[in-house]
C-alpha atoms as a PDB file:
ATOM      1  CA  UNK A   1      -0.033  -0.100   0.131  1.00  0.00           C
ATOM      2  CA  UNK A   2       0.946   3.497  -0.646  1.00  0.00           C
ATOM      3  CA  UNK A   3      -0.192   6.651   1.455  1.00  0.00           C
ATOM      4  CA  UNK A   4      -0.045  10.316  -0.029  1.00  0.00           C
ATOM      5  CA  UNK A   5       0.566  12.451   2.669  1.00  0.00           C
ATOM      6  CA  UNK A   6       1.567  16.299   3.504  1.00  0.00           C
ATOM      7  CA  UNK A   7       2.819  18.006   6.591  1.00  0.00           C
ATOM      8  CA  UNK A   8       0.704  20.331   8.502  1.00  0.00           C
ATOM      9  CA  UNK A   9      -2.580  19.673   6.927  1.00  0.00           C
ATOM     10  CA  UNK A  10      -4.885  18.195   9.585  1.00  0.00           C
ATOM     11  CA  UNK A  11      -6.723  15.628   7.583  1.00  0.00           C
ATOM     12  CA  UNK A  12      -3.380  13.701   6.509  1.00  0.00           C
ATOM     13  CA  UNK A  13      -2.461  14.106  10.338  1.00  0.00           C
ATOM     14  CA  UNK A  14      -5.325  12.122  11.384  1.00  0.00           C
ATOM     15  CA  UNK A  15      -4.210   9.118   9.343  1.00  0.00           C
ATOM     16  CA  UNK A  16      -0.767   9.536  10.601  1.00  0.00           C
ATOM     17  CA  UNK A  17      -1.769   9.403  13.820  1.00  0.00           C
ATOM     18  CA  UNK A  18      -4.179   6.287  13.555  1.00  0.00           C
ATOM     19  CA  UNK A  19      -1.281   4.500  11.787  1.00  0.00           C
ATOM     20  CA  UNK A  20       0.929   5.385  14.861  1.00  0.00           C
ATOM     21  CA  UNK A  21      -1.493   4.274  17.570  1.00  0.00           C
ATOM     22  CA  UNK A  22      -1.733   0.838  15.500  1.00  0.00           C
ATOM     23  CA  UNK A  23       2.253   0.948  15.085  1.00  0.00           C
ATOM     24  CA  UNK A  24       1.924   0.237  11.418  1.00  0.00           C
ATOM     25  CA  UNK A  25       4.861   0.467   9.644  1.00  0.00           C
ATOM     26  CA  UNK A  26       4.774  -1.016   6.126  1.00  0.00           C
ATOM     27  CA  UNK A  27       2.819   1.303   4.344  1.00  0.00           C
ATOM     28  CA  UNK A  28       5.148   3.387   1.861  1.00  0.00           C
ATOM     29  CA  UNK A  29       4.614   6.976   2.480  1.00  0.00           C
ATOM     30  CA  UNK A  30       4.673   9.739  -0.448  1.00  0.00           C
ATOM     31  CA  UNK A  31       5.000  13.313   0.530  1.00  0.00           C
ATOM     32  CA  UNK A  32       3.093  15.901  -1.513  1.00  0.00           C
ATOM     33  CA  UNK A  33       3.746  19.540  -1.751  1.00  0.00           C
ATOM     34  CA  UNK A  34       0.431  21.464  -1.794  1.00  0.00           C
ATOM     35  CA  UNK A  35       1.803  24.785  -2.123  1.00  0.00           C
ATOM     36  CA  UNK A  36       3.592  23.252  -5.534  1.00  0.00           C
ATOM     37  CA  UNK A  37       0.343  21.905  -6.482  1.00  0.00           C
ATOM     38  CA  UNK A  38       1.489  18.305  -6.594  1.00  0.00           C
ATOM     39  CA  UNK A  39      -2.011  17.325  -5.833  1.00  0.00           C
ATOM     40  CA  UNK A  40      -3.182  18.847  -8.699  1.00  0.00           C
ATOM     41  CA  UNK A  41      -1.083  17.017 -11.185  1.00  0.00           C
ATOM     42  CA  UNK A  42      -2.688  14.709 -13.806  1.00  0.00           C
ATOM     43  CA  UNK A  43      -1.041  11.659 -12.645  1.00  0.00           C
ATOM     44  CA  UNK A  44      -2.363  11.964  -9.020  1.00  0.00           C
ATOM     45  CA  UNK A  45      -6.067  12.951 -10.203  1.00  0.00           C
ATOM     46  CA  UNK A  46      -6.067   9.978 -12.409  1.00  0.00           C
ATOM     47  CA  UNK A  47      -6.209   7.993  -9.380  1.00  0.00           C
ATOM     48  CA  UNK A  48      -8.020  10.181  -6.806  1.00  0.00           C
ATOM     49  CA  UNK A  49     -10.498  12.027  -9.091  1.00  0.00           C
ATOM     50  CA  UNK A  50     -10.065  15.054  -6.616  1.00  0.00           C
ATOM     51  CA  UNK A  51      -7.138  16.842  -5.403  1.00  0.00           C
ATOM     52  CA  UNK A  52      -7.615  15.558  -1.856  1.00  0.00           C
ATOM     53  CA  UNK A  53      -4.857  14.522   0.393  1.00  0.00           C
ATOM     54  CA  UNK A  54      -4.501  12.025   2.050  1.00  0.00           C
ATOM     55  CA  UNK A  55      -5.083   9.361  -0.595  1.00  0.00           C
ATOM     56  CA  UNK A  56      -4.409   5.507   0.081  1.00  0.00           C
ATOM     57  CA  UNK A  57      -3.375   3.412  -2.763  1.00  0.00           C
ATOM     58  CA  UNK A  58      -3.977  -0.185  -2.127  1.00  0.00           C
ATOM     59  CA  UNK A  59      -2.243  -3.103  -3.315  1.00  0.00           C
ATOM     60  CA  UNK A  60      -4.706  -3.699  -6.181  1.00  0.00           C
ATOM     61  CA  UNK A  61      -4.607  -0.160  -7.552  1.00  0.00           C
ATOM     62  CA  UNK A  62      -7.750   0.973  -5.894  1.00  0.00           C
ATOM     63  CA  UNK A  63      -7.216   4.454  -4.418  1.00  0.00           C
ATOM     64  CA  UNK A  64      -9.390   6.072  -1.742  1.00  0.00           C
ATOM     65  CA  UNK A  65      -9.384   9.525  -0.438  1.00  0.00           C
ATOM     66  CA  UNK A  66     -11.047  11.136   2.753  1.00  0.00           C
ATOM     67  CA  UNK A  67      -9.193  10.364   6.006  1.00  0.00           C
ATOM     68  CA  UNK A  68     -12.106   8.525   7.972  1.00  0.00           C
ATOM     69  CA  UNK A  69     -12.593   6.166   4.877  1.00  0.00           C
ATOM     70  CA  UNK A  70      -8.957   5.514   4.850  1.00  0.00           C
ATOM     71  CA  UNK A  71      -9.096   4.948   8.305  1.00  0.00           C
ATOM     72  CA  UNK A  72     -11.845   2.474   8.276  1.00  0.00           C
ATOM     73  CA  UNK A  73     -10.135   0.450   5.684  1.00  0.00           C
ATOM     74  CA  UNK A  74      -7.100   0.234   7.921  1.00  0.00           C
ATOM     75  CA  UNK A  75      -9.032  -0.915  11.006  1.00  0.00           C
ATOM     76  CA  UNK A  76     -10.266  -3.708   8.822  1.00  0.00           C
ATOM     77  CA  UNK A  77      -6.522  -4.682   7.727  1.00  0.00           C
ATOM     78  CA  UNK A  78      -4.975  -3.966  11.020  1.00  0.00           C
ATOM     79  CA  UNK A  79      -7.796  -4.491  13.690  1.00  0.00           C
ATOM     80  CA  UNK A  80      -6.040  -3.893  16.738  1.00  0.00           C
ATOM     81  CA  UNK A  81      -5.743  -2.091  18.947  1.00  0.00           C
ATOM     82  CA  UNK A  82      -9.759  -1.417  18.088  1.00  0.00           C
ATOM     83  CA  UNK A  83     -10.410   2.225  17.328  1.00  0.00           C
ATOM     84  CA  UNK A  84     -13.967   2.243  15.742  1.00  0.00           C
ATOM     85  CA  UNK A  85     -15.768  -0.052  18.301  1.00  0.00           C
ATOM     86  CA  UNK A  86     -15.521  -3.502  19.445  1.00  0.00           C
ATOM     87  CA  UNK A  87     -19.423  -4.307  19.611  1.00  0.00           C
ATOM     88  CA  UNK A  88     -22.337  -3.004  17.514  1.00  0.00           C
ATOM     89  CA  UNK A  89     -23.279  -0.459  20.744  1.00  0.00           C
ATOM     90  CA  UNK A  90     -20.106   0.720  21.194  1.00  0.00           C
ATOM     91  CA  UNK A  91     -19.506   1.310  17.371  1.00  0.00           C
ATOM     92  CA  UNK A  92     -22.713   3.248  17.108  1.00  0.00           C
ATOM     93  CA  UNK A  93     -21.321   5.579  20.053  1.00  0.00           C
ATOM     94  CA  UNK A  94     -17.943   6.008  18.637  1.00  0.00           C
ATOM     95  CA  UNK A  95     -19.595   6.849  15.374  1.00  0.00           C
ATOM     96  CA  UNK A  96     -21.746   9.738  17.103  1.00  0.00           C
ATOM     97  CA  UNK A  97     -18.788  11.014  18.612  1.00  0.00           C
ATOM     98  CA  UNK A  98     -16.990  10.974  15.526  1.00  0.00           C
ATOM     99  CA  UNK A  99     -19.615  12.872  13.589  1.00  0.00           C
ATOM    100  CA  UNK A 100     -20.003  15.424  16.701  1.00  0.00           C
ATOM    101  CA  UNK A 101     -16.220  15.966  16.452  1.00  0.00           C
ATOM    102  CA  UNK A 102     -16.236  16.643  12.760  1.00  0.00           C
ATOM    103  CA  UNK A 103     -19.131  18.822  12.617  1.00  0.00           C
ATOM    104  CA  UNK A 104     -18.881  20.688  15.920  1.00  0.00           C
ATOM    105  CA  UNK A 105     -15.135  21.284  16.168  1.00  0.00           C
ATOM    106  CA  UNK A 106     -12.692  19.972  13.468  1.00  0.00           C
ATOM    107  CA  UNK A 107     -14.559  21.351  10.194  1.00  0.00           C
ATOM    108  CA  UNK A 108     -15.047  24.687  11.776  1.00  0.00           C
ATOM    109  CA  UNK A 109     -11.794  25.126  13.028  1.00  0.00           C
ATOM    110  CA  UNK A 110      -9.941  24.134   9.859  1.00  0.00           C
ATOM    111  CA  UNK A 111     -12.336  26.616   7.939  1.00  0.00           C
ATOM    112  CA  UNK A 112     -11.190  29.243  10.416  1.00  0.00           C
ATOM    113  CA  UNK A 113      -7.263  28.719   9.719  1.00  0.00           C
ATOM    114  CA  UNK A 114      -7.853  28.213   6.023  1.00  0.00           C
ATOM    115  CA  UNK A 115      -9.817  31.748   5.744  1.00  0.00           C
ATOM    116  CA  UNK A 116      -7.613  33.528   8.352  1.00  0.00           C
ATOM    117  CA  UNK A 117      -4.202  32.239   8.273  1.00  0.00           C
ATOM    118  CA  UNK A 118      -2.087  34.567   5.545  1.00  0.00           C
ATOM    119  CA  UNK A 119      -0.059  31.370   4.244  1.00  0.00           C
ATOM    120  CA  UNK A 120      -2.832  29.581   3.145  1.00  0.00           C
ATOM    121  CA  UNK A 121      -3.740  32.035   0.680  1.00  0.00           C
ATOM    122  CA  UNK A 122      -1.913  30.438  -1.903  1.00  0.00           C
ATOM    123  CA  UNK A 123      -4.238  27.562  -1.508  1.00  0.00           C
ATOM    124  CA  UNK A 124      -7.512  29.412  -1.800  1.00  0.00           C
ATOM    125  CA  UNK A 125      -9.095  32.951  -1.619  1.00  0.00           C
ATOM    126  CA  UNK A 126      -9.179  33.808   1.954  1.00  0.00           C
ATOM    127  CA  UNK A 127     -12.549  35.039   3.097  1.00  0.00           C
ATOM    128  CA  UNK A 128     -11.801  36.283   7.080  1.00  0.00           C
ATOM    129  CA  UNK A 129     -15.520  36.656   7.942  1.00  0.00           C
ATOM    130  CA  UNK A 130     -16.125  33.192   7.057  1.00  0.00           C
ATOM    131  CA  UNK A 131     -12.981  32.190   9.053  1.00  0.00           C
ATOM    132  CA  UNK A 132     -14.194  34.393  12.080  1.00  0.00           C
ATOM    133  CA  UNK A 133     -17.713  32.693  11.851  1.00  0.00           C
ATOM    134  CA  UNK A 134     -16.109  29.448  12.010  1.00  0.00           C
ATOM    135  CA  UNK A 135     -14.050  30.239  15.104  1.00  0.00           C
ATOM    136  CA  UNK A 136     -16.990  31.165  16.809  1.00  0.00           C
ATOM    137  CA  UNK A 137     -18.736  27.872  15.836  1.00  0.00           C
ATOM    138  CA  UNK A 138     -15.623  25.826  16.771  1.00  0.00           C
ATOM    139  CA  UNK A 139     -15.278  27.555  20.472  1.00  0.00           C
ATOM    140  CA  UNK A 140     -19.136  26.983  20.969  1.00  0.00           C
ATOM    141  CA  UNK A 141     -18.323  23.093  19.920  1.00  0.00           C
ATOM    142  CA  UNK A 142     -15.518  22.662  22.447  1.00  0.00           C
ATOM    143  CA  UNK A 143     -18.391  23.156  25.479  1.00  0.00           C
ATOM    144  CA  UNK A 144     -19.910  20.100  24.212  1.00  0.00           C
ATOM    145  CA  UNK A 145     -16.663  18.063  24.181  1.00  0.00           C
ATOM    146  CA  UNK A 146     -15.786  19.628  27.720  1.00  0.00           C
ATOM    147  CA  UNK A 147     -19.176  18.535  29.139  1.00  0.00           C
ATOM    148  CA  UNK A 148     -18.752  14.804  27.626  1.00  0.00           C
ATOM    149  CA  UNK A 149     -15.187  14.678  29.066  1.00  0.00           C
ATOM    150  CA  UNK A 150     -16.855  15.499  32.505  1.00  0.00           C
ATOM    151  CA  UNK A 151     -18.562  12.300  32.174  1.00  0.00           C
ATOM    152  CA  UNK A 152     -15.562  10.148  30.443  1.00  0.00           C
ATOM    153  CA  UNK A 153     -11.801  10.099  30.235  1.00  0.00           C
ATOM    154  CA  UNK A 154     -12.243   9.774  26.529  1.00  0.00           C
ATOM    155  CA  UNK A 155     -14.863  10.994  24.131  1.00  0.00           C
ATOM    156  CA  UNK A 156     -16.272   7.566  22.932  1.00  0.00           C
ATOM    157  CA  UNK A 157     -15.337   4.523  24.765  1.00  0.00           C
ATOM    158  CA  UNK A 158     -13.311   3.601  27.636  1.00  0.00           C
ATOM    159  CA  UNK A 159     -10.085   4.136  25.654  1.00  0.00           C
ATOM    160  CA  UNK A 160      -8.727   6.480  22.783  1.00  0.00           C
ATOM    161  CA  UNK A 161     -10.835   5.844  19.708  1.00  0.00           C
ATOM    162  CA  UNK A 162     -10.897   7.594  16.213  1.00  0.00           C
ATOM    163  CA  UNK A 163     -13.305  10.316  17.903  1.00  0.00           C
ATOM    164  CA  UNK A 164     -10.556  11.644  19.887  1.00  0.00           C
ATOM    165  CA  UNK A 165      -8.250  11.568  17.199  1.00  0.00           C
ATOM    166  CA  UNK A 166     -10.656  13.658  14.881  1.00  0.00           C
ATOM    167  CA  UNK A 167     -11.477  15.963  17.743  1.00  0.00           C
ATOM    168  CA  UNK A 168      -7.830  16.655  19.083  1.00  0.00           C
ATOM    169  CA  UNK A 169      -6.427  17.158  15.638  1.00  0.00           C
ATOM    170  CA  UNK A 170      -8.918  19.693  14.526  1.00  0.00           C
ATOM    171  CA  UNK A 171      -8.370  21.628  17.886  1.00  0.00           C
ATOM    172  CA  UNK A 172      -4.797  21.442  17.676  1.00  0.00           C
ATOM    173  CA  UNK A 173      -4.509  23.022  14.075  1.00  0.00           C
ATOM    174  CA  UNK A 174      -5.605  26.245  15.883  1.00  0.00           C
ATOM    175  CA  UNK A 175      -2.250  26.526  16.944  1.00  0.00           C
ATOM    176  CA  UNK A 176      -1.556  28.062  13.502  1.00  0.00           C
ATOM    177  CA  UNK A 177      -3.823  31.087  14.521  1.00  0.00           C
ATOM    178  CA  UNK A 178      -2.711  30.918  18.372  1.00  0.00           C
ATOM    179  CA  UNK A 179      -6.098  29.943  19.427  1.00  0.00           C
ATOM    180  CA  UNK A 180      -5.636  28.115  22.844  1.00  0.00           C
ATOM    181  CA  UNK A 181      -8.465  25.896  24.621  1.00  0.00           C
ATOM    182  CA  UNK A 182     -10.104  28.149  26.874  1.00  0.00           C
ATOM    183  CA  UNK A 183      -8.884  28.063  30.328  1.00  0.00           C
ATOM    184  CA  UNK A 184     -12.348  27.410  31.944  1.00  0.00           C
ATOM    185  CA  UNK A 185     -12.747  23.990  29.790  1.00  0.00           C
ATOM    186  CA  UNK A 186     -10.900  22.262  32.419  1.00  0.00           C
ATOM    187  CA  UNK A 187     -12.196  18.516  31.325  1.00  0.00           C
ATOM    188  CA  UNK A 188     -11.223  19.378  27.739  1.00  0.00           C
ATOM    189  CA  UNK A 189      -7.643  20.636  28.706  1.00  0.00           C
ATOM    190  CA  UNK A 190      -7.094  17.589  30.828  1.00  0.00           C
ATOM    191  CA  UNK A 191      -8.063  15.420  27.743  1.00  0.00           C
ATOM    192  CA  UNK A 192      -5.751  17.450  25.407  1.00  0.00           C
ATOM    193  CA  UNK A 193      -2.814  17.078  27.544  1.00  0.00           C
ATOM    194  CA  UNK A 194      -3.345  12.993  27.768  1.00  0.00           C
ATOM    195  CA  UNK A 195      -3.630  13.211  23.990  1.00  0.00           C
ATOM    196  CA  UNK A 196      -0.241  15.534  23.779  1.00  0.00           C
ATOM    197  CA  UNK A 197       1.356  13.049  25.832  1.00  0.00           C
ATOM    198  CA  UNK A 198       0.628  10.198  23.611  1.00  0.00           C
ATOM    199  CA  UNK A 199       3.608   8.634  21.837  1.00  0.00           C
ATOM    200  CA  UNK A 200       1.481   8.737  18.473  1.00  0.00           C
ATOM    201  CA  UNK A 201       0.957  12.355  18.877  1.00  0.00           C
ATOM    202  CA  UNK A 202       4.496  12.914  17.676  1.00  0.00           C
ATOM    203  CA  UNK A 203       4.111  10.918  14.577  1.00  0.00           C
ATOM    204  CA  UNK A 204       1.051  12.847  14.016  1.00  0.00           C
ATOM    205  CA  UNK A 205       2.836  16.365  13.782  1.00  0.00           C
END
């Protein structure tokens, strides 16, 4: 298998973190430079159909994009440690918190960074009002996660799951715009410290 990756972007980081948690090291990594437009070259697009990174090329040539889809496939190939749920009930709860993490926090914060960080103007036309709106949406979403983490050590199970990875990578991406986790969200800050302390966090950077 071959993983098309790029540094700094949050969606590829999700997959790198996922692989690190599972200690998978037998996948070839191909680095793409987005600022040079390598993800828009005809050879890459012929495999992915969209200029999306990451992309996973399987041994039979099938290529998939979308970070969660890639992680689901990798879960089937490398089932331990389980990160998507062991039982139907647990899998449903993980899916619920994965979606909440994406919609309430990760996606808004990614949009906030993309539309307000000057270095990203080379990739798309920035729209600061869109960025500021999404910044506020993400901050509201953090309160939802903080309440959940007042009840549980992790977002979706009795251990780290894909939901935690999705949430933390989205939150940590805001370091590019110097947006810290608010001081009053003690549960979220405790969880974020635990995420940063994991060995996989370094592989995910």
